[in-house]
Amino acid sequence: MTESDADEVSTGEFARLSRLSPKALRLYDHAGVLEPSRVDPVTGARHYLRGQLERAYLVSSLRQVGIPLTEIKTALDEEGSLGADRIAAFWAEAEAEHAARRRLVGSLTERLRGNVSAATSMAYAVSTRSLPDRSVLAQTRHLHIDEQTAVREEFVGNLRHAGIKPLPGVAGAPFIIYYGDVSADSDGPIEWCWPVPEDRAPELAKRFPDLTLRTDPAHQEAYVHYGATTLLHAARIVLAAQSLLAWSRDQDRQTVGPLRLVYLESQGEGSVPDCDVAVPLR
């Protein structure tokens, strides 16, 4: 670090040099992506080093292209090229979501033009499978899109903390049933379901009195293998649902239940589980 890099400046001066407002600097400090070099213990005044300007420019530029602060912090804290790889992976995911939105908008405009066949074309390949009767611990909630992740993590976390692991195979995979849309405007409801062994079901139901023990009936379902759960986006799920509807129409099969997300078992330690989008068939 050169002498000029080590020069300490006030928040106002650093804001001028970095072209970031004091409000942005407070936000970045709180998020841990750009912390002041020193905070006066008496006045609370924050001071920065000129050498922090490069990081300030980097944070600002990444925010300009829509990278969340949490992703920026993780990327900047990682060593070597790992941070760059993380940003590249995030952007690849964003581009995939943008492509899905573009295709979805095209589908919706075709529907508005009255071309229903084109509007419900298959974006994903569809397969079928049969599932047996299963005992499941379930929780049904009304919630909006910004609440979904927290409630899911609470449901899954409570079961895992008690040592309840998913059963093997697709039949043992936890799943979510969407009885209604979950968005900024619609609050479902949706139901989280966790299959449990038949012989332990009553015992587990007593251990989790806030959950409902019920049977998910045997059925055949059509499904789309969606991919990693880190890539769950509304537009891509809608396209998967459209593919299932188009397939059922082409195959003259009747769907008999709402959409499901099936969380498949992780393939390795620390790996992210995959997900299927499915719908029961008559």
C-alpha atoms as a PDB file:
ATOM      1  CA  MET A   1       0.000   0.000   0.000  1.00  0.00           C
ATOM      2  CA  THR A   2       1.416   3.403  -0.969  1.00  0.00           C
ATOM      3  CA  GLU A   3       1.358   6.414   1.303  1.00  0.00           C
ATOM      4  CA  SER A   4      -1.504   7.889  -0.688  1.00  0.00           C
ATOM      5  CA  ASP A   5      -3.431   4.618  -0.329  1.00  0.00           C
ATOM      6  CA  ALA A   6      -3.050   4.842   3.436  1.00  0.00           C
ATOM      7  CA  ASP A   7      -4.338   8.405   3.644  1.00  0.00           C
ATOM      8  CA  GLU A   8      -7.418   8.472   5.828  1.00  0.00           C
ATOM      9  CA  VAL A   9     -10.381  10.533   4.684  1.00  0.00           C
ATOM     10  CA  SER A  10     -13.773  11.398   6.114  1.00  0.00           C
ATOM     11  CA  THR A  11     -16.996   9.746   5.001  1.00  0.00           C
ATOM     12  CA  GLY A  12     -17.913  12.860   3.036  1.00  0.00           C
ATOM     13  CA  GLU A  13     -14.597  12.945   1.196  1.00  0.00           C
ATOM     14  CA  PHE A  14     -14.682   9.198   0.522  1.00  0.00           C
ATOM     15  CA  ALA A  15     -18.248   9.584  -0.781  1.00  0.00           C
ATOM     16  CA  ARG A  16     -17.027  12.293  -3.171  1.00  0.00           C
ATOM     17  CA  LEU A  17     -14.047  10.245  -4.374  1.00  0.00           C
ATOM     18  CA  SER A  18     -16.016   7.032  -4.798  1.00  0.00           C
ATOM     19  CA  ARG A  19     -19.162   8.734  -6.139  1.00  0.00           C
ATOM     20  CA  LEU A  20     -21.162   6.795  -3.544  1.00  0.00           C
ATOM     21  CA  SER A  21     -23.621   8.573  -1.297  1.00  0.00           C
ATOM     22  CA  PRO A  22     -23.178   8.483   2.492  1.00  0.00           C
ATOM     23  CA  LYS A  23     -26.399   6.441   2.572  1.00  0.00           C
ATOM     24  CA  ALA A  24     -24.849   3.841   0.236  1.00  0.00           C
ATOM     25  CA  LEU A  25     -21.694   3.742   2.354  1.00  0.00           C
ATOM     26  CA  ARG A  26     -23.771   3.092   5.476  1.00  0.00           C
ATOM     27  CA  LEU A  27     -25.615   0.291   3.643  1.00  0.00           C
ATOM     28  CA  TYR A  28     -22.366  -1.283   2.429  1.00  0.00           C
ATOM     29  CA  ASP A  29     -20.877  -1.003   5.910  1.00  0.00           C
ATOM     30  CA  HIS A  30     -23.907  -2.745   7.439  1.00  0.00           C
ATOM     31  CA  ALA A  31     -23.699  -5.502   4.791  1.00  0.00           C
ATOM     32  CA  GLY A  32     -19.990  -6.011   5.450  1.00  0.00           C
ATOM     33  CA  VAL A  33     -18.901  -5.362   1.862  1.00  0.00           C
ATOM     34  CA  LEU A  34     -17.177  -2.020   2.478  1.00  0.00           C
ATOM     35  CA  GLU A  35     -16.434  -1.294   6.123  1.00  0.00           C
ATOM     36  CA  PRO A  36     -14.729   1.915   7.309  1.00  0.00           C
ATOM     37  CA  SER A  37     -11.099   1.650   8.377  1.00  0.00           C
ATOM     38  CA  ARG A  38     -11.875   3.394  11.640  1.00  0.00           C
ATOM     39  CA  VAL A  39     -14.905   4.567  13.614  1.00  0.00           C
ATOM     40  CA  ASP A  40     -14.382   7.336  16.149  1.00  0.00           C
ATOM     41  CA  PRO A  41     -15.427   5.870  19.530  1.00  0.00           C
ATOM     42  CA  VAL A  42     -16.685   9.252  20.752  1.00  0.00           C
ATOM     43  CA  THR A  43     -18.408  10.831  17.759  1.00  0.00           C
ATOM     44  CA  GLY A  44     -19.184   7.688  15.764  1.00  0.00           C
ATOM     45  CA  ALA A  45     -17.690   9.315  12.672  1.00  0.00           C
ATOM     46  CA  ARG A  46     -16.547   6.797  10.075  1.00  0.00           C
ATOM     47  CA  HIS A  47     -13.237   7.149   8.225  1.00  0.00           C
ATOM     48  CA  TYR A  48     -11.936   5.372   5.133  1.00  0.00           C
ATOM     49  CA  LEU A  49      -8.592   4.843   3.448  1.00  0.00           C
ATOM     50  CA  ARG A  50      -7.966   5.963  -0.118  1.00  0.00           C
ATOM     51  CA  GLY A  51      -6.807   2.408  -0.753  1.00  0.00           C
ATOM     52  CA  GLN A  52     -10.402   1.263  -0.296  1.00  0.00           C
ATOM     53  CA  LEU A  53     -11.542   3.141  -3.394  1.00  0.00           C
ATOM     54  CA  GLU A  54     -10.854   0.167  -5.683  1.00  0.00           C
ATOM     55  CA  ARG A  55     -13.132  -2.027  -3.572  1.00  0.00           C
ATOM     56  CA  ALA A  56     -15.742   0.734  -3.544  1.00  0.00           C
ATOM     57  CA  TYR A  57     -15.685   0.914  -7.359  1.00  0.00           C
ATOM     58  CA  LEU A  58     -15.959  -2.879  -7.585  1.00  0.00           C
ATOM     59  CA  VAL A  59     -18.903  -3.074  -5.180  1.00  0.00           C
ATOM     60  CA  SER A  60     -20.671  -0.215  -6.949  1.00  0.00           C
ATOM     61  CA  SER A  61     -20.158  -1.774 -10.399  1.00  0.00           C
ATOM     62  CA  LEU A  62     -21.409  -5.186  -9.273  1.00  0.00           C
ATOM     63  CA  ARG A  63     -24.494  -3.541  -7.768  1.00  0.00           C
ATOM     64  CA  GLN A  64     -25.110  -1.711 -11.057  1.00  0.00           C
ATOM     65  CA  VAL A  65     -25.564  -5.062 -12.835  1.00  0.00           C
ATOM     66  CA  GLY A  66     -27.887  -6.360 -10.118  1.00  0.00           C
ATOM     67  CA  ILE A  67     -25.624  -8.608  -8.024  1.00  0.00           C
ATOM     68  CA  PRO A  68     -27.053  -8.875  -4.452  1.00  0.00           C
ATOM     69  CA  LEU A  69     -24.914  -7.609  -1.587  1.00  0.00           C
ATOM     70  CA  THR A  70     -24.782 -11.064  -0.013  1.00  0.00           C
ATOM     71  CA  GLU A  71     -23.273 -12.502  -3.203  1.00  0.00           C
ATOM     72  CA  ILE A  72     -20.815  -9.602  -3.457  1.00  0.00           C
ATOM     73  CA  LYS A  73     -19.638 -10.076   0.126  1.00  0.00           C
ATOM     74  CA  THR A  74     -19.089 -13.805  -0.351  1.00  0.00           C
ATOM     75  CA  ALA A  75     -17.270 -13.249  -3.647  1.00  0.00           C
ATOM     76  CA  LEU A  76     -14.982 -10.546  -2.254  1.00  0.00           C
ATOM     77  CA  ASP A  77     -14.190 -12.600   0.851  1.00  0.00           C
ATOM     78  CA  GLU A  78     -13.126 -15.649  -1.166  1.00  0.00           C
ATOM     79  CA  GLU A  79      -9.521 -16.187  -2.182  1.00  0.00           C
ATOM     80  CA  GLY A  80      -8.016 -16.299  -5.649  1.00  0.00           C
ATOM     81  CA  SER A  81     -10.380 -16.772  -8.557  1.00  0.00           C
ATOM     82  CA  LEU A  82     -13.179 -18.295  -6.461  1.00  0.00           C
ATOM     83  CA  GLY A  83     -14.883 -14.922  -6.090  1.00  0.00           C
ATOM     84  CA  ALA A  84     -14.778 -14.347  -9.838  1.00  0.00           C
ATOM     85  CA  ASP A  85     -16.156 -17.845 -10.412  1.00  0.00           C
ATOM     86  CA  ARG A  86     -19.018 -17.125  -7.994  1.00  0.00           C
ATOM     87  CA  ILE A  87     -19.964 -13.917  -9.803  1.00  0.00           C
ATOM     88  CA  ALA A  88     -19.745 -15.697 -13.173  1.00  0.00           C
ATOM     89  CA  ALA A  89     -22.008 -18.488 -11.892  1.00  0.00           C
ATOM     90  CA  PHE A  90     -24.497 -15.969 -10.515  1.00  0.00           C
ATOM     91  CA  TRP A  91     -24.597 -14.149 -13.844  1.00  0.00           C
ATOM     92  CA  ALA A  92     -25.048 -17.384 -15.790  1.00  0.00           C
ATOM     93  CA  GLU A  93     -28.011 -18.144 -13.547  1.00  0.00           C
ATOM     94  CA  ALA A  94     -29.410 -14.640 -14.107  1.00  0.00           C
ATOM     95  CA  GLU A  95     -29.094 -15.076 -17.877  1.00  0.00           C
ATOM     96  CA  ALA A  96     -30.925 -18.413 -17.673  1.00  0.00           C
ATOM     97  CA  GLU A  97     -33.735 -16.748 -15.745  1.00  0.00           C
ATOM     98  CA  HIS A  98     -33.854 -13.884 -18.258  1.00  0.00           C
ATOM     99  CA  ALA A  99     -34.081 -16.389 -21.120  1.00  0.00           C
ATOM    100  CA  ALA A 100     -36.931 -18.138 -19.299  1.00  0.00           C
ATOM    101  CA  ARG A 101     -38.758 -14.848 -18.843  1.00  0.00           C
ATOM    102  CA  ARG A 102     -38.284 -14.036 -22.527  1.00  0.00           C
ATOM    103  CA  ARG A 103     -39.763 -17.400 -23.504  1.00  0.00           C
ATOM    104  CA  LEU A 104     -42.598 -16.997 -21.011  1.00  0.00           C
ATOM    105  CA  VAL A 105     -43.479 -13.535 -22.343  1.00  0.00           C
ATOM    106  CA  GLY A 106     -43.499 -14.996 -25.866  1.00  0.00           C
ATOM    107  CA  SER A 107     -45.865 -17.718 -24.668  1.00  0.00           C
ATOM    108  CA  LEU A 108     -48.160 -15.172 -23.028  1.00  0.00           C
ATOM    109  CA  THR A 109     -48.284 -12.957 -26.118  1.00  0.00           C
ATOM    110  CA  GLU A 110     -49.208 -16.001 -28.219  1.00  0.00           C
ATOM    111  CA  ARG A 111     -52.021 -16.710 -25.761  1.00  0.00           C
ATOM    112  CA  LEU A 112     -53.231 -13.112 -26.076  1.00  0.00           C
ATOM    113  CA  ARG A 113     -53.274 -13.581 -29.855  1.00  0.00           C
ATOM    114  CA  GLY A 114     -55.456 -16.662 -29.416  1.00  0.00           C
ATOM    115  CA  ASN A 115     -52.752 -19.146 -30.435  1.00  0.00           C
ATOM    116  CA  VAL A 116     -53.229 -21.473 -27.456  1.00  0.00           C
ATOM    117  CA  SER A 117     -51.236 -24.329 -28.992  1.00  0.00           C
ATOM    118  CA  ALA A 118     -48.105 -22.200 -29.328  1.00  0.00           C
ATOM    119  CA  ALA A 119     -48.705 -20.626 -25.927  1.00  0.00           C
ATOM    120  CA  THR A 120     -48.586 -24.008 -24.166  1.00  0.00           C
ATOM    121  CA  SER A 121     -45.740 -25.582 -26.148  1.00  0.00           C
ATOM    122  CA  MET A 122     -43.312 -27.835 -24.320  1.00  0.00           C
ATOM    123  CA  ALA A 123     -40.179 -26.073 -23.078  1.00  0.00           C
ATOM    124  CA  TYR A 124     -39.034 -29.156 -21.137  1.00  0.00           C
ATOM    125  CA  ALA A 125     -39.082 -32.904 -21.741  1.00  0.00           C
ATOM    126  CA  VAL A 126     -41.766 -34.702 -19.705  1.00  0.00           C
ATOM    127  CA  SER A 127     -41.547 -38.183 -18.152  1.00  0.00           C
ATOM    128  CA  THR A 128     -43.897 -40.240 -15.976  1.00  0.00           C
ATOM    129  CA  ARG A 129     -43.480 -42.404 -12.875  1.00  0.00           C
ATOM    130  CA  SER A 130     -45.633 -44.248 -10.355  1.00  0.00           C
ATOM    131  CA  LEU A 131     -45.550 -43.571  -6.615  1.00  0.00           C
ATOM    132  CA  PRO A 132     -46.962 -45.728  -3.777  1.00  0.00           C
ATOM    133  CA  ASP A 133     -49.070 -44.716  -0.780  1.00  0.00           C
ATOM    134  CA  ARG A 134     -46.879 -42.712   1.598  1.00  0.00           C
ATOM    135  CA  SER A 135     -47.241 -41.456   5.146  1.00  0.00           C
ATOM    136  CA  VAL A 136     -46.146 -37.820   5.273  1.00  0.00           C
ATOM    137  CA  LEU A 137     -45.697 -35.198   7.956  1.00  0.00           C
ATOM    138  CA  ALA A 138     -47.190 -32.041   6.507  1.00  0.00           C
ATOM    139  CA  GLN A 139     -47.561 -28.353   7.197  1.00  0.00           C
ATOM    140  CA  THR A 140     -49.912 -26.056   5.268  1.00  0.00           C
ATOM    141  CA  ARG A 141     -49.366 -22.308   5.262  1.00  0.00           C
ATOM    142  CA  HIS A 142     -50.637 -19.192   3.550  1.00  0.00           C
ATOM    143  CA  LEU A 143     -47.662 -17.011   2.614  1.00  0.00           C
ATOM    144  CA  HIS A 144     -46.285 -14.693  -0.041  1.00  0.00           C
ATOM    145  CA  ILE A 145     -43.173 -15.224  -2.161  1.00  0.00           C
ATOM    146  CA  ASP A 146     -40.792 -13.350   0.152  1.00  0.00           C
ATOM    147  CA  GLU A 147     -41.761 -15.621   3.067  1.00  0.00           C
ATOM    148  CA  GLN A 148     -41.430 -18.962   1.317  1.00  0.00           C
ATOM    149  CA  THR A 149     -37.713 -19.628   1.789  1.00  0.00           C
ATOM    150  CA  ALA A 150     -37.713 -18.819   5.512  1.00  0.00           C
ATOM    151  CA  VAL A 151     -40.716 -21.056   6.236  1.00  0.00           C
ATOM    152  CA  ARG A 152     -39.311 -23.916   4.155  1.00  0.00           C
ATOM    153  CA  GLU A 153     -35.957 -23.702   5.959  1.00  0.00           C
ATOM    154  CA  GLU A 154     -37.764 -23.734   9.304  1.00  0.00           C
ATOM    155  CA  PHE A 155     -39.828 -26.804   8.343  1.00  0.00           C
ATOM    156  CA  VAL A 156     -36.824 -28.698   6.950  1.00  0.00           C
ATOM    157  CA  GLY A 157     -34.487 -27.515   9.705  1.00  0.00           C
ATOM    158  CA  ASN A 158     -36.733 -28.708  12.529  1.00  0.00           C
ATOM    159  CA  LEU A 159     -36.959 -32.198  11.048  1.00  0.00           C
ATOM    160  CA  ARG A 160     -33.253 -32.464  10.255  1.00  0.00           C
ATOM    161  CA  HIS A 161     -32.322 -31.147  13.705  1.00  0.00           C
ATOM    162  CA  ALA A 162     -34.353 -34.010  15.184  1.00  0.00           C
ATOM    163  CA  GLY A 163     -32.409 -36.478  13.024  1.00  0.00           C
ATOM    164  CA  ILE A 164     -35.235 -37.156  10.552  1.00  0.00           C
ATOM    165  CA  LYS A 165     -33.590 -37.730   7.184  1.00  0.00           C
ATOM    166  CA  PRO A 166     -35.329 -38.087   3.787  1.00  0.00           C
ATOM    167  CA  LEU A 167     -36.152 -41.649   2.824  1.00  0.00           C
ATOM    168  CA  PRO A 168     -34.304 -43.092  -0.191  1.00  0.00           C
ATOM    169  CA  GLY A 169     -35.537 -42.711  -3.756  1.00  0.00           C
ATOM    170  CA  VAL A 170     -38.110 -40.454  -5.330  1.00  0.00           C
ATOM    171  CA  ALA A 171     -40.872 -41.882  -3.133  1.00  0.00           C
ATOM    172  CA  GLY A 172     -38.972 -40.721  -0.049  1.00  0.00           C
ATOM    173  CA  ALA A 173     -38.199 -37.244  -1.324  1.00  0.00           C
ATOM    174  CA  PRO A 174     -39.760 -34.234   0.450  1.00  0.00           C
ATOM    175  CA  PHE A 175     -42.146 -32.234  -1.731  1.00  0.00           C
ATOM    176  CA  ILE A 176     -44.258 -29.087  -1.789  1.00  0.00           C
ATOM    177  CA  ILE A 177     -47.838 -28.947  -3.076  1.00  0.00           C
ATOM    178  CA  TYR A 178     -48.997 -25.597  -4.465  1.00  0.00           C
ATOM    179  CA  TYR A 179     -52.745 -25.314  -3.911  1.00  0.00           C
ATOM    180  CA  GLY A 180     -52.549 -21.682  -5.037  1.00  0.00           C
ATOM    181  CA  ASP A 181     -50.019 -19.317  -6.578  1.00  0.00           C
ATOM    182  CA  VAL A 182     -47.332 -17.902  -4.310  1.00  0.00           C
ATOM    183  CA  SER A 183     -46.307 -14.417  -5.413  1.00  0.00           C
ATOM    184  CA  ALA A 184     -46.264 -10.823  -4.223  1.00  0.00           C
ATOM    185  CA  ASP A 185     -50.051 -10.815  -4.760  1.00  0.00           C
ATOM    186  CA  SER A 186     -51.151 -14.376  -3.921  1.00  0.00           C
ATOM    187  CA  ASP A 187     -50.540 -16.314  -0.691  1.00  0.00           C
ATOM    188  CA  GLY A 188     -51.074 -19.919  -1.754  1.00  0.00           C
ATOM    189  CA  PRO A 189     -51.739 -21.925   0.314  1.00  0.00           C
ATOM    190  CA  ILE A 190     -48.923 -24.433  -0.051  1.00  0.00           C
ATOM    191  CA  GLU A 191     -48.194 -27.652   1.821  1.00  0.00           C
ATOM    192  CA  TRP A 192     -44.760 -28.984   2.772  1.00  0.00           C
ATOM    193  CA  CYS A 193     -44.694 -32.799   2.897  1.00  0.00           C
ATOM    194  CA  TRP A 194     -41.997 -35.045   4.357  1.00  0.00           C
ATOM    195  CA  PRO A 195     -42.423 -38.822   3.772  1.00  0.00           C
ATOM    196  CA  VAL A 196     -41.781 -40.949   6.873  1.00  0.00           C
ATOM    197  CA  PRO A 197     -41.586 -44.729   7.462  1.00  0.00           C
ATOM    198  CA  GLU A 198     -45.015 -46.293   7.897  1.00  0.00           C
ATOM    199  CA  ASP A 199     -44.019 -48.108  11.083  1.00  0.00           C
ATOM    200  CA  ARG A 200     -42.668 -44.916  12.708  1.00  0.00           C
ATOM    201  CA  ALA A 201     -45.361 -42.519  11.501  1.00  0.00           C
ATOM    202  CA  PRO A 202     -47.467 -42.422  14.729  1.00  0.00           C
ATOM    203  CA  GLU A 203     -44.362 -41.959  16.890  1.00  0.00           C
ATOM    204  CA  LEU A 204     -43.042 -39.135  14.706  1.00  0.00           C
ATOM    205  CA  ALA A 205     -46.444 -37.447  14.625  1.00  0.00           C
ATOM    206  CA  LYS A 206     -46.358 -37.263  18.446  1.00  0.00           C
ATOM    207  CA  ARG A 207     -42.868 -35.732  18.332  1.00  0.00           C
ATOM    208  CA  PHE A 208     -44.071 -33.002  15.956  1.00  0.00           C
ATOM    209  CA  PRO A 209     -47.537 -31.969  17.181  1.00  0.00           C
ATOM    210  CA  ASP A 210     -47.509 -28.850  14.984  1.00  0.00           C
ATOM    211  CA  LEU A 211     -47.369 -31.053  11.879  1.00  0.00           C
ATOM    212  CA  THR A 212     -50.170 -33.133  10.367  1.00  0.00           C
ATOM    213  CA  LEU A 213     -49.742 -36.845   9.673  1.00  0.00           C
ATOM    214  CA  ARG A 214     -51.603 -37.900   6.536  1.00  0.00           C
ATOM    215  CA  THR A 215     -51.396 -40.311   3.617  1.00  0.00           C
ATOM    216  CA  ASP A 216     -50.376 -39.189   0.167  1.00  0.00           C
ATOM    217  CA  PRO A 217     -52.332 -41.640  -2.050  1.00  0.00           C
ATOM    218  CA  ALA A 218     -50.635 -43.822  -4.641  1.00  0.00           C
ATOM    219  CA  HIS A 219     -50.660 -42.173  -8.047  1.00  0.00           C
ATOM    220  CA  GLN A 220     -48.901 -41.766 -11.340  1.00  0.00           C
ATOM    221  CA  GLU A 221     -47.380 -38.372 -12.070  1.00  0.00           C
ATOM    222  CA  ALA A 222     -45.910 -36.505 -14.996  1.00  0.00           C
ATOM    223  CA  TYR A 223     -42.740 -34.625 -14.167  1.00  0.00           C
ATOM    224  CA  VAL A 224     -40.019 -32.387 -15.515  1.00  0.00           C
ATOM    225  CA  HIS A 225     -36.490 -32.738 -14.152  1.00  0.00           C
ATOM    226  CA  TYR A 226     -35.861 -29.105 -13.340  1.00  0.00           C
ATOM    227  CA  GLY A 227     -32.290 -29.166 -12.019  1.00  0.00           C
ATOM    228  CA  ALA A 228     -30.515 -27.660  -9.020  1.00  0.00           C
ATOM    229  CA  THR A 229     -32.681 -26.025  -6.381  1.00  0.00           C
ATOM    230  CA  THR A 230     -30.346 -23.017  -6.429  1.00  0.00           C
ATOM    231  CA  LEU A 231     -31.831 -22.207  -9.837  1.00  0.00           C
ATOM    232  CA  LEU A 232     -35.481 -22.051  -8.762  1.00  0.00           C
ATOM    233  CA  HIS A 233     -37.113 -19.098 -10.514  1.00  0.00           C
ATOM    234  CA  ALA A 234     -40.762 -18.285 -11.057  1.00  0.00           C
ATOM    235  CA  ALA A 235     -40.556 -17.986 -14.851  1.00  0.00           C
ATOM    236  CA  ARG A 236     -38.795 -21.339 -15.251  1.00  0.00           C
ATOM    237  CA  ILE A 237     -41.301 -23.061 -12.970  1.00  0.00           C
ATOM    238  CA  VAL A 238     -44.168 -21.612 -15.032  1.00  0.00           C
ATOM    239  CA  LEU A 239     -42.526 -22.919 -18.225  1.00  0.00           C
ATOM    240  CA  ALA A 240     -42.138 -26.355 -16.614  1.00  0.00           C
ATOM    241  CA  ALA A 241     -45.822 -26.262 -15.614  1.00  0.00           C
ATOM    242  CA  GLN A 242     -46.785 -25.297 -19.175  1.00  0.00           C
ATOM    243  CA  SER A 243     -44.755 -28.242 -20.483  1.00  0.00           C
ATOM    244  CA  LEU A 244     -46.674 -30.591 -18.188  1.00  0.00           C
ATOM    245  CA  LEU A 245     -50.013 -29.160 -19.341  1.00  0.00           C
ATOM    246  CA  ALA A 246     -49.005 -29.397 -23.011  1.00  0.00           C
ATOM    247  CA  TRP A 247     -47.866 -32.997 -22.531  1.00  0.00           C
ATOM    248  CA  SER A 248     -51.094 -33.988 -20.753  1.00  0.00           C
ATOM    249  CA  ARG A 249     -53.104 -32.405 -23.579  1.00  0.00           C
ATOM    250  CA  ASP A 250     -51.089 -34.153 -26.306  1.00  0.00           C
ATOM    251  CA  GLN A 251     -51.221 -37.493 -24.484  1.00  0.00           C
ATOM    252  CA  ASP A 252     -54.911 -37.122 -23.598  1.00  0.00           C
ATOM    253  CA  ARG A 253     -54.072 -37.526 -19.904  1.00  0.00           C
ATOM    254  CA  GLN A 254     -55.999 -35.751 -17.149  1.00  0.00           C
ATOM    255  CA  THR A 255     -54.200 -34.064 -14.284  1.00  0.00           C
ATOM    256  CA  VAL A 256     -55.891 -34.598 -10.903  1.00  0.00           C
ATOM    257  CA  GLY A 257     -53.927 -32.486  -8.486  1.00  0.00           C
ATOM    258  CA  PRO A 258     -52.019 -29.235  -8.108  1.00  0.00           C
ATOM    259  CA  LEU A 259     -48.396 -28.625  -9.051  1.00  0.00           C
ATOM    260  CA  ARG A 260     -45.630 -30.116  -6.909  1.00  0.00           C
ATOM    261  CA  LEU A 261     -41.942 -29.433  -6.381  1.00  0.00           C
ATOM    262  CA  VAL A 262     -40.063 -32.619  -5.457  1.00  0.00           C
ATOM    263  CA  TYR A 263     -36.715 -32.167  -3.681  1.00  0.00           C
ATOM    264  CA  LEU A 264     -34.456 -35.051  -4.686  1.00  0.00           C
ATOM    265  CA  GLU A 265     -31.688 -36.367  -2.467  1.00  0.00           C
ATOM    266  CA  SER A 266     -28.291 -34.651  -2.750  1.00  0.00           C
ATOM    267  CA  GLN A 267     -25.720 -36.648  -4.685  1.00  0.00           C
ATOM    268  CA  GLY A 268     -22.780 -35.878  -2.407  1.00  0.00           C
ATOM    269  CA  GLU A 269     -21.640 -34.197   0.799  1.00  0.00           C
ATOM    270  CA  GLY A 270     -22.355 -30.474   0.571  1.00  0.00           C
ATOM    271  CA  SER A 271     -23.997 -30.751  -2.842  1.00  0.00           C
ATOM    272  CA  VAL A 272     -27.231 -28.970  -3.685  1.00  0.00           C
ATOM    273  CA  PRO A 273     -30.307 -31.205  -4.190  1.00  0.00           C
ATOM    274  CA  ASP A 274     -32.031 -31.324  -7.551  1.00  0.00           C
ATOM    275  CA  CYS A 275     -35.706 -30.653  -8.032  1.00  0.00           C
ATOM    276  CA  ASP A 276     -38.518 -32.024 -10.188  1.00  0.00           C
ATOM    277  CA  VAL A 277     -41.718 -30.189 -11.125  1.00  0.00           C
ATOM    278  CA  ALA A 278     -44.562 -32.705 -11.133  1.00  0.00           C
ATOM    279  CA  VAL A 279     -48.331 -33.045 -11.385  1.00  0.00           C
ATOM    280  CA  PRO A 280     -50.476 -36.104 -10.466  1.00  0.00           C
ATOM    281  CA  LEU A 281     -52.338 -37.901 -13.245  1.00  0.00           C
ATOM    282  CA  ARG A 282     -55.609 -39.798 -13.281  1.00  0.00           C
END
